[in-house]
Amino acid sequence: DLPQQTPAFANVFNVVDSYDTHARIPNHFQACDKASKAA
């Protein structure tokens, strides 16, 4: 869910998630950072 949902909703809202796949947090961060900065 969250790998798709968080970047998608970050284009519109302030968002908070509990993404907990430790090894993939850097990738998740990059995707969300791009979306949030644009919005």
PDB file of all heavy atoms in Angstrom:
ATOM      1  N   ASP A   1       0.806  -1.224   0.000  1.00  0.00           N
ATOM      2  CA  ASP A   1       0.000   0.000   0.000  1.00  0.00           C
ATOM      3  C   ASP A   1       0.837   1.270   0.000  1.00  0.00           C
ATOM      4  O   ASP A   1       0.726   2.117  -0.893  1.00  0.00           O
ATOM      5  CB  ASP A   1      -0.937   0.024   1.222  1.00  0.00           C
ATOM      6  CG  ASP A   1      -2.002  -1.054   1.173  1.00  0.00           C
ATOM      7  OD1 ASP A   1      -2.389  -1.447   0.062  1.00  0.00           O
ATOM      8  OD2 ASP A   1      -2.434  -1.494   2.246  1.00  0.00           O
ATOM      9  N   LEU A   2       1.640   1.447   1.038  1.00  0.00           N
ATOM     10  CA  LEU A   2       2.312   2.724   1.257  1.00  0.00           C
ATOM     11  C   LEU A   2       3.318   3.105   0.172  1.00  0.00           C
ATOM     12  O   LEU A   2       3.448   4.301  -0.135  1.00  0.00           O
ATOM     13  CB  LEU A   2       2.978   2.739   2.639  1.00  0.00           C
ATOM     14  CG  LEU A   2       2.003   2.620   3.820  1.00  0.00           C
ATOM     15  CD1 LEU A   2       2.763   2.596   5.141  1.00  0.00           C
ATOM     16  CD2 LEU A   2       0.985   3.761   3.811  1.00  0.00           C
ATOM     17  N   PRO A   3       4.040   2.163  -0.435  1.00  0.00           N
ATOM     18  CA  PRO A   3       4.963   2.590  -1.495  1.00  0.00           C
ATOM     19  C   PRO A   3       4.268   3.323  -2.641  1.00  0.00           C
ATOM     20  O   PRO A   3       4.872   4.180  -3.282  1.00  0.00           O
ATOM     21  CB  PRO A   3       5.570   1.263  -1.975  1.00  0.00           C
ATOM     22  CG  PRO A   3       5.499   0.374  -0.789  1.00  0.00           C
ATOM     23  CD  PRO A   3       4.204   0.732  -0.121  1.00  0.00           C
ATOM     24  N   GLN A   4       2.992   3.013  -2.884  1.00  0.00           N
ATOM     25  CA  GLN A   4       2.231   3.729  -3.911  1.00  0.00           C
ATOM     26  C   GLN A   4       1.419   4.877  -3.311  1.00  0.00           C
ATOM     27  O   GLN A   4       1.381   5.979  -3.863  1.00  0.00           O
ATOM     28  CB  GLN A   4       1.269   2.763  -4.625  1.00  0.00           C
ATOM     29  CG  GLN A   4       1.921   1.830  -5.623  1.00  0.00           C
ATOM     30  CD  GLN A   4       2.692   0.714  -4.946  1.00  0.00           C
ATOM     31  OE1 GLN A   4       2.186   0.097  -4.004  1.00  0.00           O
ATOM     32  NE2 GLN A   4       3.900   0.425  -5.414  1.00  0.00           N
ATOM     33  N   GLN A   5       0.783   4.643  -2.169  1.00  0.00           N
ATOM     34  CA  GLN A   5      -0.134   5.635  -1.603  1.00  0.00           C
ATOM     35  C   GLN A   5       0.558   6.905  -1.148  1.00  0.00           C
ATOM     36  O   GLN A   5       0.086   8.018  -1.430  1.00  0.00           O
ATOM     37  CB  GLN A   5      -0.891   5.026  -0.423  1.00  0.00           C
ATOM     38  CG  GLN A   5      -2.037   4.120  -0.794  1.00  0.00           C
ATOM     39  CD  GLN A   5      -2.812   3.687   0.443  1.00  0.00           C
ATOM     40  OE1 GLN A   5      -2.411   3.947   1.583  1.00  0.00           O
ATOM     41  NE2 GLN A   5      -3.939   3.030   0.216  1.00  0.00           N
ATOM     42  N   THR A   6       1.662   6.753  -0.406  1.00  0.00           N
ATOM     43  CA  THR A   6       2.252   7.943   0.206  1.00  0.00           C
ATOM     44  C   THR A   6       2.741   8.950  -0.829  1.00  0.00           C
ATOM     45  O   THR A   6       2.388  10.138  -0.749  1.00  0.00           O
ATOM     46  CB  THR A   6       3.377   7.564   1.183  1.00  0.00           C
ATOM     47  OG1 THR A   6       2.908   6.558   2.087  1.00  0.00           O
ATOM     48  CG2 THR A   6       3.821   8.772   1.983  1.00  0.00           C
ATOM     49  N   PRO A   7       3.523   8.554  -1.852  1.00  0.00           N
ATOM     50  CA  PRO A   7       3.908   9.559  -2.856  1.00  0.00           C
ATOM     51  C   PRO A   7       2.708  10.143  -3.593  1.00  0.00           C
ATOM     52  O   PRO A   7       2.703  11.335  -3.916  1.00  0.00           O
ATOM     53  CB  PRO A   7       4.813   8.758  -3.809  1.00  0.00           C
ATOM     54  CG  PRO A   7       5.295   7.601  -3.016  1.00  0.00           C
ATOM     55  CD  PRO A   7       4.173   7.255  -2.087  1.00  0.00           C
ATOM     56  N   ALA A   8       1.669   9.322  -3.832  1.00  0.00           N
ATOM     57  CA  ALA A   8       0.500   9.816  -4.551  1.00  0.00           C
ATOM     58  C   ALA A   8      -0.241  10.870  -3.741  1.00  0.00           C
ATOM     59  O   ALA A   8      -0.589  11.950  -4.266  1.00  0.00           O
ATOM     60  CB  ALA A   8      -0.435   8.656  -4.889  1.00  0.00           C
ATOM     61  N   PHE A   9      -0.483  10.612  -2.467  1.00  0.00           N
ATOM     62  CA  PHE A   9      -1.197  11.579  -1.637  1.00  0.00           C
ATOM     63  C   PHE A   9      -0.316  12.766  -1.258  1.00  0.00           C
ATOM     64  O   PHE A   9      -0.825  13.850  -0.967  1.00  0.00           O
ATOM     65  CB  PHE A   9      -1.768  10.903  -0.393  1.00  0.00           C
ATOM     66  CG  PHE A   9      -3.008  10.106  -0.668  1.00  0.00           C
ATOM     67  CD1 PHE A   9      -2.979   8.730  -0.700  1.00  0.00           C
ATOM     68  CD2 PHE A   9      -4.213  10.748  -0.914  1.00  0.00           C
ATOM     69  CE1 PHE A   9      -4.119   7.993  -0.972  1.00  0.00           C
ATOM     70  CE2 PHE A   9      -5.371  10.028  -1.188  1.00  0.00           C
ATOM     71  CZ  PHE A   9      -5.325   8.638  -1.218  1.00  0.00           C
ATOM     72  N   ALA A  10       1.010  12.572  -1.261  1.00  0.00           N
ATOM     73  CA  ALA A  10       1.919  13.679  -0.949  1.00  0.00           C
ATOM     74  C   ALA A  10       1.883  14.763  -2.012  1.00  0.00           C
ATOM     75  O   ALA A  10       2.340  15.881  -1.787  1.00  0.00           O
ATOM     76  CB  ALA A  10       3.342  13.159  -0.776  1.00  0.00           C
ATOM     77  N   ASN A  11       1.331  14.451  -3.179  1.00  0.00           N
ATOM     78  CA  ASN A  11       1.151  15.459  -4.218  1.00  0.00           C
ATOM     79  C   ASN A  11       0.055  16.455  -3.873  1.00  0.00           C
ATOM     80  O   ASN A  11      -0.068  17.494  -4.520  1.00  0.00           O
ATOM     81  CB  ASN A  11       0.790  14.781  -5.549  1.00  0.00           C
ATOM     82  CG  ASN A  11       2.012  14.363  -6.332  1.00  0.00           C
ATOM     83  OD1 ASN A  11       2.907  15.164  -6.547  1.00  0.00           O
ATOM     84  ND2 ASN A  11       2.056  13.108  -6.748  1.00  0.00           N
ATOM     85  N   VAL A  12      -0.757  16.112  -2.855  1.00  0.00           N
ATOM     86  CA  VAL A  12      -1.937  16.915  -2.541  1.00  0.00           C
ATOM     87  C   VAL A  12      -1.987  17.351  -1.079  1.00  0.00           C
ATOM     88  O   VAL A  12      -2.311  18.494  -0.770  1.00  0.00           O
ATOM     89  CB  VAL A  12      -3.221  16.130  -2.880  1.00  0.00           C
ATOM     90  CG1 VAL A  12      -4.472  16.939  -2.544  1.00  0.00           C
ATOM     91  CG2 VAL A  12      -3.225  15.715  -4.345  1.00  0.00           C
ATOM     92  N   PHE A  13      -1.647  16.416  -0.170  1.00  0.00           N
ATOM     93  CA  PHE A  13      -1.814  16.637   1.266  1.00  0.00           C
ATOM     94  C   PHE A  13      -0.473  16.651   1.997  1.00  0.00           C
ATOM     95  O   PHE A  13       0.512  16.082   1.513  1.00  0.00           O
ATOM     96  CB  PHE A  13      -2.638  15.497   1.886  1.00  0.00           C
ATOM     97  CG  PHE A  13      -4.037  15.359   1.373  1.00  0.00           C
ATOM     98  CD1 PHE A  13      -4.340  14.404   0.415  1.00  0.00           C
ATOM     99  CD2 PHE A  13      -5.059  16.154   1.862  1.00  0.00           C
ATOM    100  CE1 PHE A  13      -5.635  14.247  -0.050  1.00  0.00           C
ATOM    101  CE2 PHE A  13      -6.361  16.006   1.409  1.00  0.00           C
ATOM    102  CZ  PHE A  13      -6.658  15.051   0.438  1.00  0.00           C
ATOM    103  N   ASN A  14      -0.454  17.236   3.188  1.00  0.00           N
ATOM    104  CA  ASN A  14       0.525  16.829   4.189  1.00  0.00           C
ATOM    105  C   ASN A  14       0.161  15.400   4.590  1.00  0.00           C
ATOM    106  O   ASN A  14      -1.024  15.106   4.838  1.00  0.00           O
ATOM    107  CB  ASN A  14       0.454  17.724   5.424  1.00  0.00           C
ATOM    108  CG  ASN A  14       0.927  19.136   5.165  1.00  0.00           C
ATOM    109  OD1 ASN A  14       1.971  19.363   4.579  1.00  0.00           O
ATOM    110  ND2 ASN A  14       0.132  20.105   5.608  1.00  0.00           N
ATOM    111  N   VAL A  15       1.145  14.516   4.661  1.00  0.00           N
ATOM    112  CA  VAL A  15       0.842  13.122   4.959  1.00  0.00           C
ATOM    113  C   VAL A  15       1.786  12.587   6.027  1.00  0.00           C
ATOM    114  O   VAL A  15       2.918  13.061   6.198  1.00  0.00           O
ATOM    115  CB  VAL A  15       0.930  12.222   3.708  1.00  0.00           C
ATOM    116  CG1 VAL A  15      -0.113  12.625   2.678  1.00  0.00           C
ATOM    117  CG2 VAL A  15       2.320  12.246   3.099  1.00  0.00           C
ATOM    118  N   VAL A  16       1.302  11.577   6.747  1.00  0.00           N
ATOM    119  CA  VAL A  16       2.099  10.842   7.731  1.00  0.00           C
ATOM    120  C   VAL A  16       1.869   9.367   7.471  1.00  0.00           C
ATOM    121  O   VAL A  16       0.717   8.937   7.279  1.00  0.00           O
ATOM    122  CB  VAL A  16       1.688  11.197   9.173  1.00  0.00           C
ATOM    123  CG1 VAL A  16       2.455  10.335  10.179  1.00  0.00           C
ATOM    124  CG2 VAL A  16       1.926  12.673   9.460  1.00  0.00           C
ATOM    125  N   ASP A  17       2.940   8.574   7.465  1.00  0.00           N
ATOM    126  CA  ASP A  17       2.759   7.125   7.331  1.00  0.00           C
ATOM    127  C   ASP A  17       3.658   6.388   8.308  1.00  0.00           C
ATOM    128  O   ASP A  17       4.505   6.976   8.990  1.00  0.00           O
ATOM    129  CB  ASP A  17       2.949   6.648   5.886  1.00  0.00           C
ATOM    130  CG  ASP A  17       4.406   6.488   5.430  1.00  0.00           C
ATOM    131  OD1 ASP A  17       5.332   6.469   6.276  1.00  0.00           O
ATOM    132  OD2 ASP A  17       4.642   6.372   4.210  1.00  0.00           O
ATOM    133  N   SER A  18       3.466   5.061   8.371  1.00  0.00           N
ATOM    134  CA  SER A  18       4.251   4.217   9.278  1.00  0.00           C
ATOM    135  C   SER A  18       5.041   3.176   8.495  1.00  0.00           C
ATOM    136  O   SER A  18       5.210   2.044   8.958  1.00  0.00           O
ATOM    137  CB  SER A  18       3.329   3.530  10.299  1.00  0.00           C
ATOM    138  OG  SER A  18       2.367   2.724   9.647  1.00  0.00           O
ATOM    139  N   TYR A  19       5.530   3.553   7.325  1.00  0.00           N
ATOM    140  CA  TYR A  19       6.283   2.626   6.470  1.00  0.00           C
ATOM    141  C   TYR A  19       7.446   2.022   7.252  1.00  0.00           C
ATOM    142  O   TYR A  19       8.276   2.743   7.811  1.00  0.00           O
ATOM    143  CB  TYR A  19       6.813   3.374   5.245  1.00  0.00           C
ATOM    144  CG  TYR A  19       7.509   2.497   4.248  1.00  0.00           C
ATOM    145  CD1 TYR A  19       6.784   1.670   3.400  1.00  0.00           C
ATOM    146  CD2 TYR A  19       8.891   2.486   4.145  1.00  0.00           C
ATOM    147  CE1 TYR A  19       7.415   0.851   2.469  1.00  0.00           C
ATOM    148  CE2 TYR A  19       9.535   1.682   3.214  1.00  0.00           C
ATOM    149  CZ  TYR A  19       8.790   0.866   2.380  1.00  0.00           C
ATOM    150  OH  TYR A  19       9.433   0.054   1.470  1.00  0.00           O
ATOM    151  N   ASP A  20       7.496   0.677   7.307  1.00  0.00           N
ATOM    152  CA  ASP A  20       8.465   0.055   8.213  1.00  0.00           C
ATOM    153  C   ASP A  20       9.371  -0.984   7.563  1.00  0.00           C
ATOM    154  O   ASP A  20       9.983  -1.792   8.268  1.00  0.00           O
ATOM    155  CB  ASP A  20       7.747  -0.551   9.426  1.00  0.00           C
ATOM    156  CG  ASP A  20       6.841  -1.726   9.052  1.00  0.00           C
ATOM    157  OD1 ASP A  20       6.689  -2.027   7.857  1.00  0.00           O
ATOM    158  OD2 ASP A  20       6.277  -2.341   9.988  1.00  0.00           O
ATOM    159  N   THR A  21       9.482  -0.975   6.236  1.00  0.00           N
ATOM    160  CA  THR A  21      10.451  -1.855   5.584  1.00  0.00           C
ATOM    161  C   THR A  21      11.802  -1.144   5.617  1.00  0.00           C
ATOM    162  O   THR A  21      12.140  -0.360   4.730  1.00  0.00           O
ATOM    163  CB  THR A  21      10.025  -2.176   4.141  1.00  0.00           C
ATOM    164  OG1 THR A  21       8.690  -2.690   4.145  1.00  0.00           O
ATOM    165  CG2 THR A  21      10.960  -3.222   3.534  1.00  0.00           C
ATOM    166  N   HIS A  22      12.579  -1.388   6.672  1.00  0.00           N
ATOM    167  CA  HIS A  22      13.782  -0.599   6.957  1.00  0.00           C
ATOM    168  C   HIS A  22      14.709  -0.484   5.759  1.00  0.00           C
ATOM    169  O   HIS A  22      15.222   0.606   5.460  1.00  0.00           O
ATOM    170  CB  HIS A  22      14.535  -1.216   8.143  1.00  0.00           C
ATOM    171  CG  HIS A  22      13.838  -1.049   9.458  1.00  0.00           C
ATOM    172  ND1 HIS A  22      14.204  -0.104  10.398  1.00  0.00           N
ATOM    173  CD2 HIS A  22      12.784  -1.720   9.998  1.00  0.00           C
ATOM    174  CE1 HIS A  22      13.417  -0.191  11.454  1.00  0.00           C
ATOM    175  NE2 HIS A  22      12.551  -1.157  11.236  1.00  0.00           N
ATOM    176  N   ALA A  23      14.944  -1.578   5.065  1.00  0.00           N
ATOM    177  CA  ALA A  23      15.931  -1.569   3.988  1.00  0.00           C
ATOM    178  C   ALA A  23      15.516  -0.691   2.825  1.00  0.00           C
ATOM    179  O   ALA A  23      16.363  -0.245   2.037  1.00  0.00           O
ATOM    180  CB  ALA A  23      16.177  -3.002   3.501  1.00  0.00           C
ATOM    181  N   ARG A  24      14.233  -0.419   2.688  1.00  0.00           N
ATOM    182  CA  ARG A  24      13.746   0.351   1.545  1.00  0.00           C
ATOM    183  C   ARG A  24      13.301   1.765   1.911  1.00  0.00           C
ATOM    184  O   ARG A  24      12.756   2.493   1.084  1.00  0.00           O
ATOM    185  CB  ARG A  24      12.607  -0.405   0.845  1.00  0.00           C
ATOM    186  CG  ARG A  24      13.040  -1.772   0.322  1.00  0.00           C
ATOM    187  CD  ARG A  24      12.044  -2.345  -0.675  1.00  0.00           C
ATOM    188  NE  ARG A  24      11.895  -1.503  -1.849  1.00  0.00           N
ATOM    189  CZ  ARG A  24      12.726  -1.491  -2.890  1.00  0.00           C
ATOM    190  NH1 ARG A  24      13.792  -2.272  -2.899  1.00  0.00           N
ATOM    191  NH2 ARG A  24      12.499  -0.700  -3.928  1.00  0.00           N
ATOM    192  N   ILE A  25      13.555   2.183   3.144  1.00  0.00           N
ATOM    193  CA  ILE A  25      13.179   3.538   3.549  1.00  0.00           C
ATOM    194  C   ILE A  25      13.868   4.610   2.688  1.00  0.00           C
ATOM    195  O   ILE A  25      13.221   5.595   2.304  1.00  0.00           O
ATOM    196  CB  ILE A  25      13.462   3.755   5.051  1.00  0.00           C
ATOM    197  CG1 ILE A  25      12.416   2.995   5.889  1.00  0.00           C
ATOM    198  CG2 ILE A  25      13.444   5.239   5.413  1.00  0.00           C
ATOM    199  CD1 ILE A  25      12.664   3.046   7.380  1.00  0.00           C
ATOM    200  N   PRO A  26      15.152   4.488   2.341  1.00  0.00           N
ATOM    201  CA  PRO A  26      15.757   5.527   1.488  1.00  0.00           C
ATOM    202  C   PRO A  26      15.026   5.717   0.163  1.00  0.00           C
ATOM    203  O   PRO A  26      14.844   6.860  -0.290  1.00  0.00           O
ATOM    204  CB  PRO A  26      17.192   5.021   1.274  1.00  0.00           C
ATOM    205  CG  PRO A  26      17.473   4.209   2.510  1.00  0.00           C
ATOM    206  CD  PRO A  26      16.176   3.519   2.813  1.00  0.00           C
ATOM    207  N   ASN A  27      14.595   4.626  -0.474  1.00  0.00           N
ATOM    208  CA  ASN A  27      13.857   4.736  -1.729  1.00  0.00           C
ATOM    209  C   ASN A  27      12.498   5.401  -1.511  1.00  0.00           C
ATOM    210  O   ASN A  27      12.059   6.245  -2.309  1.00  0.00           O
ATOM    211  CB  ASN A  27      13.652   3.356  -2.354  1.00  0.00           C
ATOM    212  CG  ASN A  27      14.941   2.722  -2.813  1.00  0.00           C
ATOM    213  OD1 ASN A  27      15.932   3.415  -3.043  1.00  0.00           O
ATOM    214  ND2 ASN A  27      14.959   1.419  -2.956  1.00  0.00           N
ATOM    215  N   HIS A  28      11.826   5.004  -0.439  1.00  0.00           N
ATOM    216  CA  HIS A  28      10.522   5.584  -0.109  1.00  0.00           C
ATOM    217  C   HIS A  28      10.675   7.080   0.176  1.00  0.00           C
ATOM    218  O   HIS A  28       9.845   7.890  -0.266  1.00  0.00           O
ATOM    219  CB  HIS A  28       9.945   4.852   1.098  1.00  0.00           C
ATOM    220  CG  HIS A  28       8.526   5.181   1.422  1.00  0.00           C
ATOM    221  ND1 HIS A  28       7.501   5.063   0.506  1.00  0.00           N
ATOM    222  CD2 HIS A  28       7.941   5.624   2.578  1.00  0.00           C
ATOM    223  CE1 HIS A  28       6.360   5.407   1.075  1.00  0.00           C
ATOM    224  NE2 HIS A  28       6.604   5.763   2.320  1.00  0.00           N
ATOM    225  N   PHE A  29      11.722   7.438   0.877  1.00  0.00           N
ATOM    226  CA  PHE A  29      11.987   8.855   1.193  1.00  0.00           C
ATOM    227  C   PHE A  29      12.132   9.670  -0.089  1.00  0.00           C
ATOM    228  O   PHE A  29      11.535  10.752  -0.219  1.00  0.00           O
ATOM    229  CB  PHE A  29      13.245   8.963   2.051  1.00  0.00           C
ATOM    230  CG  PHE A  29      13.565  10.362   2.503  1.00  0.00           C
ATOM    231  CD1 PHE A  29      13.197  10.796   3.766  1.00  0.00           C
ATOM    232  CD2 PHE A  29      14.235  11.245   1.671  1.00  0.00           C
ATOM    233  CE1 PHE A  29      13.477  12.087   4.189  1.00  0.00           C
ATOM    234  CE2 PHE A  29      14.524  12.535   2.076  1.00  0.00           C
ATOM    235  CZ  PHE A  29      14.145  12.958   3.338  1.00  0.00           C
ATOM    236  N   GLN A  30      12.917   9.181  -1.024  1.00  0.00           N
ATOM    237  CA  GLN A  30      13.161   9.933  -2.253  1.00  0.00           C
ATOM    238  C   GLN A  30      11.876  10.173  -3.036  1.00  0.00           C
ATOM    239  O   GLN A  30      11.626  11.278  -3.528  1.00  0.00           O
ATOM    240  CB  GLN A  30      14.177   9.194  -3.124  1.00  0.00           C
ATOM    241  CG  GLN A  30      15.589   9.214  -2.551  1.00  0.00           C
ATOM    242  CD  GLN A  30      16.575   8.455  -3.418  1.00  0.00           C
ATOM    243  OE1 GLN A  30      16.211   7.912  -4.467  1.00  0.00           O
ATOM    244  NE2 GLN A  30      17.828   8.413  -2.985  1.00  0.00           N
ATOM    245  N   ALA A  31      11.036   9.125  -3.139  1.00  0.00           N
ATOM    246  CA  ALA A  31       9.785   9.263  -3.880  1.00  0.00           C
ATOM    247  C   ALA A  31       8.862  10.274  -3.214  1.00  0.00           C
ATOM    248  O   ALA A  31       8.219  11.099  -3.887  1.00  0.00           O
ATOM    249  CB  ALA A  31       9.091   7.905  -3.989  1.00  0.00           C
ATOM    250  N   CYS A  32       8.784  10.234  -1.893  1.00  0.00           N
ATOM    251  CA  CYS A  32       7.900  11.151  -1.166  1.00  0.00           C
ATOM    252  C   CYS A  32       8.449  12.571  -1.153  1.00  0.00           C
ATOM    253  O   CYS A  32       7.680  13.545  -1.205  1.00  0.00           O
ATOM    254  CB  CYS A  32       7.697  10.645   0.265  1.00  0.00           C
ATOM    255  SG  CYS A  32       6.849   9.049   0.359  1.00  0.00           S
ATOM    256  N   ASP A  33       9.752  12.712  -1.082  1.00  0.00           N
ATOM    257  CA  ASP A  33      10.372  14.041  -1.057  1.00  0.00           C
ATOM    258  C   ASP A  33      10.069  14.797  -2.345  1.00  0.00           C
ATOM    259  O   ASP A  33       9.715  15.985  -2.314  1.00  0.00           O
ATOM    260  CB  ASP A  33      11.879  13.888  -0.861  1.00  0.00           C
ATOM    261  CG  ASP A  33      12.567  15.213  -0.558  1.00  0.00           C
ATOM    262  OD1 ASP A  33      12.086  15.935   0.337  1.00  0.00           O
ATOM    263  OD2 ASP A  33      13.589  15.514  -1.204  1.00  0.00           O
ATOM    264  N   LYS A  34      10.181  14.112  -3.464  1.00  0.00           N
ATOM    265  CA  LYS A  34       9.912  14.742  -4.762  1.00  0.00           C
ATOM    266  C   LYS A  34       8.468  15.221  -4.830  1.00  0.00           C
ATOM    267  O   LYS A  34       8.191  16.356  -5.244  1.00  0.00           O
ATOM    268  CB  LYS A  34      10.200  13.753  -5.892  1.00  0.00           C
ATOM    269  CG  LYS A  34       9.963  14.311  -7.281  1.00  0.00           C
ATOM    270  CD  LYS A  34      10.303  13.272  -8.342  1.00  0.00           C
ATOM    271  CE  LYS A  34      10.048  13.823  -9.743  1.00  0.00           C
ATOM    272  NZ  LYS A  34      10.376  12.811 -10.789  1.00  0.00           N
ATOM    273  N   ALA A  35       7.532  14.359  -4.398  1.00  0.00           N
ATOM    274  CA  ALA A  35       6.117  14.712  -4.474  1.00  0.00           C
ATOM    275  C   ALA A  35       5.775  15.858  -3.528  1.00  0.00           C
ATOM    276  O   ALA A  35       5.054  16.795  -3.893  1.00  0.00           O
ATOM    277  CB  ALA A  35       5.263  13.489  -4.148  1.00  0.00           C
ATOM    278  N   SER A  36       6.288  15.808  -2.308  1.00  0.00           N
ATOM    279  CA  SER A  36       5.949  16.826  -1.320  1.00  0.00           C
ATOM    280  C   SER A  36       6.524  18.190  -1.682  1.00  0.00           C
ATOM    281  O   SER A  36       5.866  19.222  -1.498  1.00  0.00           O
ATOM    282  CB  SER A  36       6.436  16.403   0.070  1.00  0.00           C
ATOM    283  OG  SER A  36       5.695  15.313   0.545  1.00  0.00           O
ATOM    284  N   LYS A  37       7.743  18.218  -2.173  1.00  0.00           N
ATOM    285  CA  LYS A  37       8.341  19.498  -2.555  1.00  0.00           C
ATOM    286  C   LYS A  37       7.578  20.141  -3.702  1.00  0.00           C
ATOM    287  O   LYS A  37       7.379  21.364  -3.739  1.00  0.00           O
ATOM    288  CB  LYS A  37       9.808  19.298  -2.919  1.00  0.00           C
ATOM    289  CG  LYS A  37      10.706  19.113  -1.702  1.00  0.00           C
ATOM    290  CD  LYS A  37      12.156  18.905  -2.103  1.00  0.00           C
ATOM    291  CE  LYS A  37      13.039  18.800  -0.857  1.00  0.00           C
ATOM    292  NZ  LYS A  37      14.448  18.485  -1.205  1.00  0.00           N
ATOM    293  N   ALA A  38       7.121  19.307  -4.643  1.00  0.00           N
ATOM    294  CA  ALA A  38       6.359  19.846  -5.764  1.00  0.00           C
ATOM    295  C   ALA A  38       5.040  20.456  -5.297  1.00  0.00           C
ATOM    296  O   ALA A  38       4.557  21.438  -5.878  1.00  0.00           O
ATOM    297  CB  ALA A  38       6.095  18.742  -6.790  1.00  0.00           C
ATOM    298  N   ALA A  39       4.459  19.891  -4.246  1.00  0.00           N
ATOM    299  CA  ALA A  39       3.166  20.369  -3.739  1.00  0.00           C
ATOM    300  C   ALA A  39       3.298  21.422  -2.651  1.00  0.00           C
ATOM    301  O   ALA A  39       2.295  22.017  -2.243  1.00  0.00           O
ATOM    302  CB  ALA A  39       2.364  19.179  -3.205  1.00  0.00           C
TER     303      ALA A  39
END
